[in-house]
């Protein structure tokens, strides 16, 4: 059996709720609420089935930003998001349990740029990454892209994520076409399990909104 991990990306207040999220996310806030609720449900389902859950969080304090990141923020009038120790950086609707791996990105999109993420996956023998969280076209895609290039199989839970700038269906289609990502929904955990298994409709659910 291929070892699977559910990777929960940036389910944090500044990205999911409150004034910072509302200012950045131009689509229906009810949709953002729905996908974050589904992502939290996916965490519960994964735990119930004994599937490992890995949490990725972001901190954007100025001292962590590279020169290009700072310049972009200055030119766009952007304040740092998810500053360490603030309400905005806290997890939204999920709480890692003791023993579950949590990795912190310091002002970067891709979890593979952080110390320990790849090493943990390899040490645990994980071969298949199932993605939930925000945003699909930013940090989820950045991490999934590197994962694919490094040899991991990819599944995207399309009802557990949403795009910041693109249409949700376009992001899902891009990841499916470019990375061979399977797309399914959180309430069908049987389709998360084995990316080397049957190539049938049960394991290739394409969702459109």
Foldseek 3Di string as FASTA:
>chain_A
DAAEEEEAEAQFDCCQHDDNVPVQAPDDSVLSVQLQVQLLVLVVVCVVVVHAYEYEFEAEDPVLDDPVLVVVCVVVVHDTALHPPDRRRDHDSDDDDPPHHYWYDYPAQASVVGPPPVVVCVVVNHQEYEYAYDALVTNVVNHLVVSLVVHHAYEYALSNHYHRPDHSLVSVVVCCVPRVYAYHHSVLVVLRGDPPDDPDCSNHPRDHD
